[in-house]
Amino acid sequence: MVPVLIIIGAIILLLIFYVIGVYNGLVNLRNMVKDQWAQIEVLLKRRADLIPNIVETVKGYASHEKETLENVISARNKAVSANTLESEMQANGELTKALGRLFALAEAYPDLKANTNFMQLQDELKNTEDKIAYARQFYNDAVLKYKNKLEMFPSNIIANMFGFKPEPFFEANEVDKEVPQVKF
């Protein structure tokens, strides 16, 4: 009888250690997703800070292109004031599109293209956009690992027991896929 109790105790102990290990793995992955989103937010803040400088530079050369400039500022303000993950993703997609129109507009003004300040700001923004793209990729990779752990057996049972919820992927919406149109 004693060996059977020892075996049952050992099995229960192994199950407890397994649950603890899976739980800690889920917490680790969830925190990785949050960390990757925080990295994106840092870059989005940098982009939002650069935009007013670019708009002011463009205003001096293309003051009659008021609608394009207002759209960029409006999109920036929506992105900065978004308060949920999904709304922030959508607002930043709209901002990306508005910036594309702004830079397409800049192509029509040779003096603006030659302006050192504008070129420097454009390069900084381009570098920031590249970093945002990489950060989105890392975020989506972290979300994928987390979702896989949430959905795969037997970790899905433990995830459901402790209330772990999936996180959304950062996906390109239809606005991001459109080519900017600039008409003169």
N, C-alpha and C. Protein backbone atom coordinates (compact mmCIF):
# COMPACT_ATOMS: atom_id res chain seq x y z
N MET A 1 0.81 -1.20 0.00
CA MET A 1 0.00 0.00 0.00
C MET A 1 0.86 1.27 0.00
N VAL A 2 1.95 1.25 0.76
CA VAL A 2 2.83 2.42 0.85
C VAL A 2 3.45 2.76 -0.50
N PRO A 3 3.94 1.77 -1.30
CA PRO A 3 4.51 2.13 -2.61
C PRO A 3 3.48 2.77 -3.55
N VAL A 4 2.23 2.35 -3.46
CA VAL A 4 1.19 2.92 -4.31
C VAL A 4 0.97 4.38 -3.92
N LEU A 5 0.94 4.68 -2.64
CA LEU A 5 0.77 6.06 -2.18
C LEU A 5 1.96 6.93 -2.61
N ILE A 6 3.14 6.37 -2.56
CA ILE A 6 4.34 7.12 -3.00
C ILE A 6 4.25 7.42 -4.49
N ILE A 7 3.81 6.44 -5.28
CA ILE A 7 3.67 6.64 -6.73
C ILE A 7 2.60 7.69 -7.02
N ILE A 8 1.46 7.61 -6.36
CA ILE A 8 0.38 8.59 -6.55
C ILE A 8 0.87 9.97 -6.13
N GLY A 9 1.57 10.06 -5.01
CA GLY A 9 2.12 11.34 -4.53
C GLY A 9 3.12 11.92 -5.54
N ALA A 10 3.95 11.04 -6.10
CA ALA A 10 4.94 11.49 -7.08
C ALA A 10 4.25 12.01 -8.35
N ILE A 11 3.20 11.32 -8.77
CA ILE A 11 2.45 11.75 -9.97
C ILE A 11 1.78 13.10 -9.71
N ILE A 12 1.17 13.24 -8.53
CA ILE A 12 0.54 14.52 -8.19
C ILE A 12 1.58 15.64 -8.14
N LEU A 13 2.73 15.35 -7.54
CA LEU A 13 3.81 16.33 -7.46
C LEU A 13 4.30 16.72 -8.86
N LEU A 14 4.44 15.74 -9.75
CA LEU A 14 4.85 16.03 -11.13
C LEU A 14 3.80 16.88 -11.85
N LEU A 15 2.53 16.59 -11.64
CA LEU A 15 1.46 17.39 -12.24
C LEU A 15 1.50 18.83 -11.73
N ILE A 16 1.73 18.99 -10.45
CA ILE A 16 1.82 20.35 -9.87
C ILE A 16 2.99 21.11 -10.50
N PHE A 17 4.14 20.45 -10.60
CA PHE A 17 5.30 21.10 -11.22
C PHE A 17 5.03 21.42 -12.70
N TYR A 18 4.31 20.54 -13.38
CA TYR A 18 3.97 20.79 -14.79
C TYR A 18 3.07 22.01 -14.91
N VAL A 19 2.03 22.08 -14.08
CA VAL A 19 1.12 23.23 -14.11
C VAL A 19 1.88 24.52 -13.81
N ILE A 20 2.74 24.49 -12.82
CA ILE A 20 3.55 25.68 -12.49
C ILE A 20 4.42 26.07 -13.68
N GLY A 21 5.04 25.10 -14.31
CA GLY A 21 5.90 25.39 -15.47
C GLY A 21 5.12 25.98 -16.63
N VAL A 22 3.97 25.43 -16.94
CA VAL A 22 3.15 25.95 -18.04
C VAL A 22 2.64 27.34 -17.69
N TYR A 23 2.18 27.53 -16.46
CA TYR A 23 1.69 28.84 -16.02
C TYR A 23 2.79 29.89 -16.17
N ASN A 24 3.97 29.57 -15.68
CA ASN A 24 5.09 30.52 -15.77
C ASN A 24 5.47 30.80 -17.23
N GLY A 25 5.39 29.78 -18.07
CA GLY A 25 5.66 29.97 -19.49
C GLY A 25 4.64 30.90 -20.13
N LEU A 26 3.37 30.75 -19.77
CA LEU A 26 2.32 31.63 -20.29
C LEU A 26 2.53 33.07 -19.83
N VAL A 27 2.86 33.24 -18.56
CA VAL A 27 3.13 34.59 -18.04
C VAL A 27 4.32 35.20 -18.78
N ASN A 28 5.35 34.42 -18.99
CA ASN A 28 6.53 34.89 -19.72
C ASN A 28 6.16 35.35 -21.13
N LEU A 29 5.38 34.54 -21.85
CA LEU A 29 4.99 34.90 -23.21
C LEU A 29 4.07 36.12 -23.23
N ARG A 30 3.13 36.19 -22.30
CA ARG A 30 2.24 37.35 -22.22
C ARG A 30 3.05 38.62 -21.96
N ASN A 31 4.02 38.54 -21.07
CA ASN A 31 4.87 39.70 -20.79
C ASN A 31 5.74 40.06 -21.99
N MET A 32 6.17 39.07 -22.76
CA MET A 32 6.94 39.34 -23.96
C MET A 32 6.09 40.11 -24.97
N VAL A 33 4.83 39.74 -25.11
CA VAL A 33 3.92 40.45 -26.01
C VAL A 33 3.78 41.90 -25.55
N LYS A 34 3.57 42.09 -24.25
CA LYS A 34 3.44 43.46 -23.72
C LYS A 34 4.72 44.26 -23.92
N ASP A 35 5.86 43.62 -23.73
CA ASP A 35 7.14 44.30 -23.95
C ASP A 35 7.31 44.71 -25.40
N GLN A 36 6.96 43.83 -26.31
CA GLN A 36 7.10 44.16 -27.73
C GLN A 36 6.15 45.29 -28.12
N TRP A 37 4.96 45.31 -27.55
CA TRP A 37 4.04 46.42 -27.83
C TRP A 37 4.60 47.72 -27.27
N ALA A 38 5.21 47.65 -26.10
CA ALA A 38 5.82 48.86 -25.53
C ALA A 38 6.93 49.39 -26.43
N GLN A 39 7.68 48.49 -27.07
CA GLN A 39 8.72 48.93 -28.00
C GLN A 39 8.11 49.66 -29.19
N ILE A 40 6.99 49.14 -29.68
CA ILE A 40 6.29 49.80 -30.79
C ILE A 40 5.82 51.18 -30.35
N GLU A 41 5.27 51.27 -29.14
CA GLU A 41 4.76 52.56 -28.65
C GLU A 41 5.87 53.60 -28.55
N VAL A 42 7.06 53.20 -28.15
CA VAL A 42 8.20 54.13 -28.09
C VAL A 42 8.48 54.69 -29.48
N LEU A 43 8.49 53.83 -30.47
CA LEU A 43 8.76 54.28 -31.83
C LEU A 43 7.61 55.11 -32.39
N LEU A 44 6.38 54.76 -32.07
CA LEU A 44 5.25 55.56 -32.53
C LEU A 44 5.28 56.94 -31.90
N LYS A 45 5.70 57.04 -30.67
CA LYS A 45 5.84 58.34 -30.00
C LYS A 45 6.92 59.16 -30.71
N ARG A 46 8.01 58.54 -31.05
CA ARG A 46 9.09 59.24 -31.77
C ARG A 46 8.55 59.76 -33.11
N ARG A 47 7.81 58.92 -33.81
CA ARG A 47 7.25 59.34 -35.09
C ARG A 47 6.30 60.51 -34.88
N ALA A 48 5.44 60.41 -33.88
CA ALA A 48 4.49 61.49 -33.61
C ALA A 48 5.20 62.79 -33.27
N ASP A 49 6.33 62.71 -32.61
CA ASP A 49 7.10 63.91 -32.27
C ASP A 49 7.77 64.52 -33.50
N LEU A 50 8.13 63.72 -34.48
CA LEU A 50 8.78 64.23 -35.69
C LEU A 50 7.79 64.91 -36.64
N ILE A 51 6.57 64.47 -36.63
CA ILE A 51 5.59 64.92 -37.63
C ILE A 51 5.36 66.44 -37.61
N PRO A 52 5.16 67.07 -36.44
CA PRO A 52 4.94 68.52 -36.48
C PRO A 52 6.11 69.29 -37.13
N ASN A 53 7.33 68.83 -36.91
CA ASN A 53 8.49 69.48 -37.52
C ASN A 53 8.46 69.34 -39.04
N ILE A 54 8.09 68.18 -39.51
CA ILE A 54 8.02 67.96 -40.96
C ILE A 54 6.90 68.81 -41.56
N VAL A 55 5.75 68.82 -40.91
CA VAL A 55 4.62 69.60 -41.42
C VAL A 55 4.99 71.09 -41.49
N GLU A 56 5.64 71.60 -40.46
CA GLU A 56 6.03 73.02 -40.46
C GLU A 56 7.02 73.31 -41.59
N THR A 57 7.92 72.40 -41.85
CA THR A 57 8.88 72.60 -42.94
C THR A 57 8.16 72.61 -44.28
N VAL A 58 7.22 71.67 -44.47
CA VAL A 58 6.48 71.60 -45.73
C VAL A 58 5.59 72.82 -45.90
N LYS A 59 5.02 73.33 -44.81
CA LYS A 59 4.14 74.51 -44.89
C LYS A 59 4.82 75.68 -45.58
N GLY A 60 6.08 75.86 -45.31
CA GLY A 60 6.80 76.97 -45.91
C GLY A 60 6.91 76.87 -47.42
N TYR A 61 6.89 75.69 -47.95
CA TYR A 61 7.06 75.47 -49.39
C TYR A 61 5.73 75.21 -50.10
N ALA A 62 4.81 74.60 -49.40
CA ALA A 62 3.57 74.18 -50.06
C ALA A 62 2.37 74.61 -49.21
N SER A 63 2.30 75.87 -48.92
CA SER A 63 1.26 76.36 -48.02
C SER A 63 -0.15 76.15 -48.59
N HIS A 64 -0.27 76.11 -49.92
CA HIS A 64 -1.59 75.93 -50.50
C HIS A 64 -2.05 74.46 -50.48
N GLU A 65 -1.22 73.56 -50.00
CA GLU A 65 -1.59 72.14 -49.87
C GLU A 65 -2.12 71.88 -48.45
N LYS A 66 -2.98 72.77 -48.03
CA LYS A 66 -3.47 72.78 -46.65
C LYS A 66 -4.17 71.46 -46.27
N GLU A 67 -4.96 70.90 -47.17
CA GLU A 67 -5.73 69.69 -46.85
C GLU A 67 -4.81 68.52 -46.51
N THR A 68 -3.75 68.34 -47.29
CA THR A 68 -2.82 67.24 -47.02
C THR A 68 -2.17 67.42 -45.65
N LEU A 69 -1.76 68.65 -45.35
CA LEU A 69 -1.11 68.91 -44.07
C LEU A 69 -2.09 68.72 -42.91
N GLU A 70 -3.32 69.16 -43.09
CA GLU A 70 -4.33 68.97 -42.04
C GLU A 70 -4.64 67.49 -41.82
N ASN A 71 -4.65 66.71 -42.90
CA ASN A 71 -4.89 65.27 -42.77
C ASN A 71 -3.78 64.59 -41.97
N VAL A 72 -2.54 65.02 -42.20
CA VAL A 72 -1.41 64.44 -41.47
C VAL A 72 -1.55 64.77 -39.98
N ILE A 73 -1.82 66.02 -39.67
CA ILE A 73 -1.95 66.42 -38.27
C ILE A 73 -3.14 65.72 -37.61
N SER A 74 -4.25 65.63 -38.32
CA SER A 74 -5.44 64.94 -37.79
C SER A 74 -5.14 63.47 -37.52
N ALA A 75 -4.48 62.83 -38.47
CA ALA A 75 -4.13 61.41 -38.29
C ALA A 75 -3.16 61.24 -37.12
N ARG A 76 -2.21 62.15 -36.98
CA ARG A 76 -1.26 62.11 -35.86
C ARG A 76 -2.00 62.24 -34.54
N ASN A 77 -2.93 63.19 -34.46
CA ASN A 77 -3.68 63.40 -33.22
C ASN A 77 -4.52 62.19 -32.85
N LYS A 78 -5.12 61.54 -33.85
CA LYS A 78 -5.89 60.31 -33.58
C LYS A 78 -4.97 59.22 -33.04
N ALA A 79 -3.78 59.11 -33.64
CA ALA A 79 -2.84 58.07 -33.21
C ALA A 79 -2.36 58.32 -31.79
N VAL A 80 -2.10 59.56 -31.46
CA VAL A 80 -1.60 59.89 -30.13
C VAL A 80 -2.69 59.69 -29.07
N SER A 81 -3.95 59.97 -29.43
CA SER A 81 -5.02 59.88 -28.44
C SER A 81 -5.73 58.53 -28.40
N ALA A 82 -5.33 57.58 -29.24
CA ALA A 82 -5.96 56.26 -29.22
C ALA A 82 -5.74 55.61 -27.86
N ASN A 83 -6.78 54.97 -27.34
CA ASN A 83 -6.66 54.43 -25.98
C ASN A 83 -6.80 52.91 -25.88
N THR A 84 -7.02 52.24 -26.99
CA THR A 84 -7.02 50.78 -26.96
C THR A 84 -6.01 50.28 -27.98
N LEU A 85 -5.60 49.06 -27.79
CA LEU A 85 -4.62 48.47 -28.70
C LEU A 85 -5.12 48.48 -30.13
N GLU A 86 -6.36 48.07 -30.33
CA GLU A 86 -6.91 47.99 -31.68
C GLU A 86 -7.06 49.37 -32.30
N SER A 87 -7.55 50.36 -31.53
CA SER A 87 -7.71 51.71 -32.08
C SER A 87 -6.37 52.35 -32.37
N GLU A 88 -5.37 52.03 -31.57
CA GLU A 88 -4.03 52.56 -31.81
C GLU A 88 -3.45 51.97 -33.10
N MET A 89 -3.69 50.68 -33.32
CA MET A 89 -3.21 50.05 -34.55
C MET A 89 -3.87 50.69 -35.76
N GLN A 90 -5.18 50.89 -35.70
CA GLN A 90 -5.90 51.47 -36.83
C GLN A 90 -5.48 52.92 -37.06
N ALA A 91 -5.37 53.70 -36.02
CA ALA A 91 -5.00 55.11 -36.15
C ALA A 91 -3.59 55.25 -36.74
N ASN A 92 -2.69 54.37 -36.36
CA ASN A 92 -1.34 54.44 -36.90
C ASN A 92 -1.29 54.00 -38.36
N GLY A 93 -2.20 53.13 -38.76
CA GLY A 93 -2.31 52.79 -40.17
C GLY A 93 -2.75 53.99 -40.99
N GLU A 94 -3.71 54.75 -40.46
CA GLU A 94 -4.16 55.97 -41.15
C GLU A 94 -3.05 57.01 -41.20
N LEU A 95 -2.27 57.09 -40.14
CA LEU A 95 -1.15 58.03 -40.11
C LEU A 95 -0.10 57.66 -41.14
N THR A 96 0.17 56.39 -41.29
CA THR A 96 1.13 55.92 -42.29
C THR A 96 0.68 56.34 -43.69
N LYS A 97 -0.60 56.18 -43.96
CA LYS A 97 -1.14 56.57 -45.27
C LYS A 97 -1.02 58.08 -45.48
N ALA A 98 -1.35 58.87 -44.46
CA ALA A 98 -1.26 60.33 -44.57
C ALA A 98 0.18 60.77 -44.79
N LEU A 99 1.12 60.13 -44.13
CA LEU A 99 2.54 60.46 -44.33
C LEU A 99 2.98 60.12 -45.74
N GLY A 100 2.47 59.03 -46.27
CA GLY A 100 2.79 58.67 -47.66
C GLY A 100 2.34 59.75 -48.62
N ARG A 101 1.15 60.31 -48.39
CA ARG A 101 0.66 61.40 -49.23
C ARG A 101 1.52 62.65 -49.07
N LEU A 102 1.96 62.90 -47.83
CA LEU A 102 2.81 64.07 -47.58
C LEU A 102 4.13 63.96 -48.34
N PHE A 103 4.74 62.80 -48.30
CA PHE A 103 6.01 62.64 -49.00
C PHE A 103 5.84 62.60 -50.51
N ALA A 104 4.71 62.09 -50.96
CA ALA A 104 4.43 62.15 -52.39
C ALA A 104 4.25 63.61 -52.81
N LEU A 105 3.63 64.41 -51.98
CA LEU A 105 3.46 65.84 -52.23
C LEU A 105 4.82 66.54 -52.31
N ALA A 106 5.71 66.15 -51.44
CA ALA A 106 7.04 66.77 -51.41
C ALA A 106 7.79 66.57 -52.72
N GLU A 107 7.51 65.48 -53.40
CA GLU A 107 8.18 65.22 -54.68
C GLU A 107 7.88 66.32 -55.71
N ALA A 108 6.76 66.97 -55.59
CA ALA A 108 6.36 68.00 -56.55
C ALA A 108 7.03 69.35 -56.29
N TYR A 109 7.76 69.48 -55.21
CA TYR A 109 8.38 70.76 -54.86
C TYR A 109 9.90 70.59 -54.78
N PRO A 110 10.60 70.90 -55.88
CA PRO A 110 12.05 70.70 -55.91
C PRO A 110 12.80 71.46 -54.81
N ASP A 111 12.33 72.67 -54.48
CA ASP A 111 13.01 73.43 -53.42
C ASP A 111 12.88 72.73 -52.08
N LEU A 112 11.71 72.14 -51.85
CA LEU A 112 11.49 71.42 -50.61
C LEU A 112 12.37 70.18 -50.55
N LYS A 113 12.45 69.47 -51.67
CA LYS A 113 13.29 68.26 -51.71
C LYS A 113 14.75 68.59 -51.45
N ALA A 114 15.16 69.81 -51.80
CA ALA A 114 16.56 70.20 -51.63
C ALA A 114 16.82 70.80 -50.24
N ASN A 115 15.77 71.07 -49.47
CA ASN A 115 15.91 71.68 -48.16
C ASN A 115 16.57 70.70 -47.20
N THR A 116 17.68 71.11 -46.61
CA THR A 116 18.46 70.23 -45.73
C THR A 116 17.64 69.80 -44.52
N ASN A 117 16.93 70.73 -43.92
CA ASN A 117 16.12 70.41 -42.74
C ASN A 117 15.06 69.36 -43.09
N PHE A 118 14.38 69.54 -44.22
CA PHE A 118 13.37 68.58 -44.64
C PHE A 118 13.99 67.22 -44.90
N MET A 119 15.11 67.20 -45.58
CA MET A 119 15.77 65.93 -45.91
C MET A 119 16.19 65.20 -44.62
N GLN A 120 16.69 65.96 -43.65
CA GLN A 120 17.10 65.35 -42.39
C GLN A 120 15.88 64.78 -41.65
N LEU A 121 14.82 65.55 -41.60
CA LEU A 121 13.60 65.07 -40.95
C LEU A 121 13.02 63.86 -41.68
N GLN A 122 13.05 63.90 -43.00
CA GLN A 122 12.54 62.78 -43.79
C GLN A 122 13.36 61.52 -43.52
N ASP A 123 14.69 61.67 -43.45
CA ASP A 123 15.54 60.52 -43.15
C ASP A 123 15.26 59.97 -41.75
N GLU A 124 15.09 60.86 -40.77
CA GLU A 124 14.77 60.41 -39.41
C GLU A 124 13.44 59.66 -39.38
N LEU A 125 12.47 60.22 -40.09
CA LEU A 125 11.16 59.56 -40.12
C LEU A 125 11.24 58.22 -40.84
N LYS A 126 12.00 58.16 -41.92
CA LYS A 126 12.15 56.89 -42.65
C LYS A 126 12.81 55.84 -41.75
N ASN A 127 13.85 56.24 -41.03
CA ASN A 127 14.51 55.31 -40.12
C ASN A 127 13.56 54.85 -39.02
N THR A 128 12.75 55.77 -38.52
CA THR A 128 11.77 55.42 -37.49
C THR A 128 10.72 54.47 -38.06
N GLU A 129 10.26 54.73 -39.29
CA GLU A 129 9.28 53.84 -39.93
C GLU A 129 9.87 52.43 -40.11
N ASP A 130 11.14 52.35 -40.48
CA ASP A 130 11.78 51.04 -40.61
C ASP A 130 11.83 50.32 -39.27
N LYS A 131 12.16 51.07 -38.21
CA LYS A 131 12.20 50.47 -36.88
C LYS A 131 10.81 50.01 -36.44
N ILE A 132 9.79 50.80 -36.78
CA ILE A 132 8.41 50.42 -36.45
C ILE A 132 8.06 49.12 -37.16
N ALA A 133 8.45 49.00 -38.42
CA ALA A 133 8.16 47.77 -39.17
C ALA A 133 8.82 46.55 -38.50
N TYR A 134 10.07 46.70 -38.09
CA TYR A 134 10.75 45.60 -37.41
C TYR A 134 10.09 45.30 -36.06
N ALA A 135 9.73 46.35 -35.33
CA ALA A 135 9.10 46.15 -34.02
C ALA A 135 7.74 45.45 -34.19
N ARG A 136 7.00 45.80 -35.23
CA ARG A 136 5.72 45.12 -35.49
C ARG A 136 5.96 43.65 -35.76
N GLN A 137 7.02 43.36 -36.50
CA GLN A 137 7.34 41.96 -36.80
C GLN A 137 7.66 41.20 -35.51
N PHE A 138 8.48 41.81 -34.64
CA PHE A 138 8.82 41.14 -33.38
C PHE A 138 7.58 40.99 -32.50
N TYR A 139 6.71 42.00 -32.50
CA TYR A 139 5.47 41.93 -31.74
C TYR A 139 4.62 40.75 -32.25
N ASN A 140 4.45 40.67 -33.57
CA ASN A 140 3.64 39.60 -34.13
C ASN A 140 4.24 38.23 -33.85
N ASP A 141 5.57 38.14 -33.85
CA ASP A 141 6.22 36.87 -33.50
C ASP A 141 5.91 36.49 -32.05
N ALA A 142 5.96 37.47 -31.16
CA ALA A 142 5.65 37.21 -29.75
C ALA A 142 4.18 36.80 -29.59
N VAL A 143 3.28 37.47 -30.31
CA VAL A 143 1.86 37.13 -30.25
C VAL A 143 1.64 35.71 -30.77
N LEU A 144 2.33 35.34 -31.84
CA LEU A 144 2.19 33.99 -32.39
C LEU A 144 2.61 32.94 -31.37
N LYS A 145 3.75 33.13 -30.72
CA LYS A 145 4.20 32.16 -29.71
C LYS A 145 3.19 32.07 -28.57
N TYR A 146 2.71 33.22 -28.15
CA TYR A 146 1.74 33.26 -27.04
C TYR A 146 0.44 32.57 -27.45
N LYS A 147 -0.08 32.88 -28.64
CA LYS A 147 -1.32 32.25 -29.10
C LYS A 147 -1.15 30.74 -29.25
N ASN A 148 -0.01 30.32 -29.78
CA ASN A 148 0.23 28.88 -29.92
C ASN A 148 0.17 28.20 -28.56
N LYS A 149 0.79 28.80 -27.58
CA LYS A 149 0.79 28.22 -26.23
C LYS A 149 -0.63 28.21 -25.65
N LEU A 150 -1.41 29.26 -25.94
CA LEU A 150 -2.79 29.32 -25.44
C LEU A 150 -3.68 28.27 -26.09
N GLU A 151 -3.40 27.93 -27.33
CA GLU A 151 -4.30 27.06 -28.08
C GLU A 151 -3.87 25.60 -28.12
N MET A 152 -2.62 25.30 -27.82
CA MET A 152 -2.13 23.93 -27.92
C MET A 152 -2.46 23.13 -26.66
N PHE A 153 -2.76 21.87 -26.87
CA PHE A 153 -3.04 20.95 -25.79
C PHE A 153 -1.73 20.50 -25.18
N PRO A 154 -1.60 20.35 -23.93
CA PRO A 154 -2.51 20.56 -22.81
C PRO A 154 -2.39 21.95 -22.19
N SER A 155 -1.50 22.80 -22.70
CA SER A 155 -1.34 24.13 -22.08
C SER A 155 -2.61 24.97 -22.21
N ASN A 156 -3.47 24.66 -23.20
CA ASN A 156 -4.72 25.41 -23.34
C ASN A 156 -5.63 25.20 -22.12
N ILE A 157 -5.56 24.05 -21.52
CA ILE A 157 -6.38 23.77 -20.33
C ILE A 157 -5.93 24.68 -19.18
N ILE A 158 -4.65 24.76 -18.98
CA ILE A 158 -4.11 25.60 -17.91
C ILE A 158 -4.37 27.07 -18.21
N ALA A 159 -4.22 27.47 -19.48
CA ALA A 159 -4.49 28.86 -19.87
C ALA A 159 -5.94 29.23 -19.58
N ASN A 160 -6.86 28.33 -19.89
CA ASN A 160 -8.28 28.59 -19.60
C ASN A 160 -8.55 28.63 -18.10
N MET A 161 -7.89 27.75 -17.34
CA MET A 161 -8.07 27.72 -15.89
C MET A 161 -7.69 29.05 -15.24
N PHE A 162 -6.62 29.67 -15.77
CA PHE A 162 -6.11 30.90 -15.17
C PHE A 162 -6.51 32.15 -15.93
N GLY A 163 -7.38 32.02 -16.93
CA GLY A 163 -7.94 33.18 -17.60
C GLY A 163 -7.01 33.93 -18.54
N PHE A 164 -6.06 33.26 -19.15
CA PHE A 164 -5.19 33.93 -20.13
C PHE A 164 -5.99 34.21 -21.40
N LYS A 165 -5.85 35.40 -21.93
CA LYS A 165 -6.59 35.83 -23.13
C LYS A 165 -5.62 36.10 -24.27
N PRO A 166 -6.03 35.83 -25.51
CA PRO A 166 -5.15 36.10 -26.66
C PRO A 166 -5.00 37.60 -26.91
N GLU A 167 -3.92 37.96 -27.55
CA GLU A 167 -3.63 39.34 -27.95
C GLU A 167 -3.78 39.44 -29.46
N PRO A 168 -4.13 40.62 -29.96
CA PRO A 168 -4.31 40.76 -31.41
C PRO A 168 -2.98 40.90 -32.15
N PHE A 169 -2.95 40.41 -33.37
CA PHE A 169 -1.82 40.64 -34.25
C PHE A 169 -1.86 42.08 -34.74
N PHE A 170 -0.73 42.64 -35.05
CA PHE A 170 -0.66 43.97 -35.66
C PHE A 170 -0.71 43.72 -37.16
N GLU A 171 -1.90 43.89 -37.74
CA GLU A 171 -2.11 43.59 -39.15
C GLU A 171 -2.26 44.86 -39.96
N ALA A 172 -1.82 44.79 -41.20
CA ALA A 172 -2.03 45.91 -42.12
C ALA A 172 -3.50 45.93 -42.48
N ASN A 173 -4.13 47.09 -42.30
CA ASN A 173 -5.53 47.19 -42.71
C ASN A 173 -5.58 47.70 -44.15
N GLU A 174 -6.75 47.81 -44.67
CA GLU A 174 -6.91 48.21 -46.08
C GLU A 174 -6.32 49.59 -46.34
N VAL A 175 -6.37 50.47 -45.36
CA VAL A 175 -5.81 51.82 -45.51
C VAL A 175 -4.31 51.73 -45.79
N ASP A 176 -3.61 50.82 -45.08
CA ASP A 176 -2.17 50.68 -45.25
C ASP A 176 -1.80 50.14 -46.63
N LYS A 177 -2.69 49.38 -47.24
CA LYS A 177 -2.38 48.74 -48.51
C LYS A 177 -2.59 49.64 -49.70
N GLU A 178 -3.29 50.77 -49.52
CA GLU A 178 -3.57 51.67 -50.62
C GLU A 178 -2.35 52.51 -50.97
N VAL A 179 -2.17 52.77 -52.26
CA VAL A 179 -1.09 53.64 -52.72
C VAL A 179 -1.55 55.08 -52.55
N PRO A 180 -0.72 55.93 -51.95
CA PRO A 180 -1.13 57.32 -51.76
C PRO A 180 -1.39 58.01 -53.11
N GLN A 181 -2.47 58.77 -53.18
CA GLN A 181 -2.82 59.52 -54.38
C GLN A 181 -2.62 61.01 -54.12
N VAL A 182 -1.83 61.65 -54.95
CA VAL A 182 -1.64 63.08 -54.84
C VAL A 182 -2.03 63.71 -56.16
N LYS A 183 -2.92 64.69 -56.10
CA LYS A 183 -3.40 65.35 -57.31
C LYS A 183 -3.06 66.82 -57.23
N PHE A 184 -2.60 67.35 -58.33
CA PHE A 184 -2.25 68.78 -58.40
C PHE A 184 -3.15 69.51 -59.34
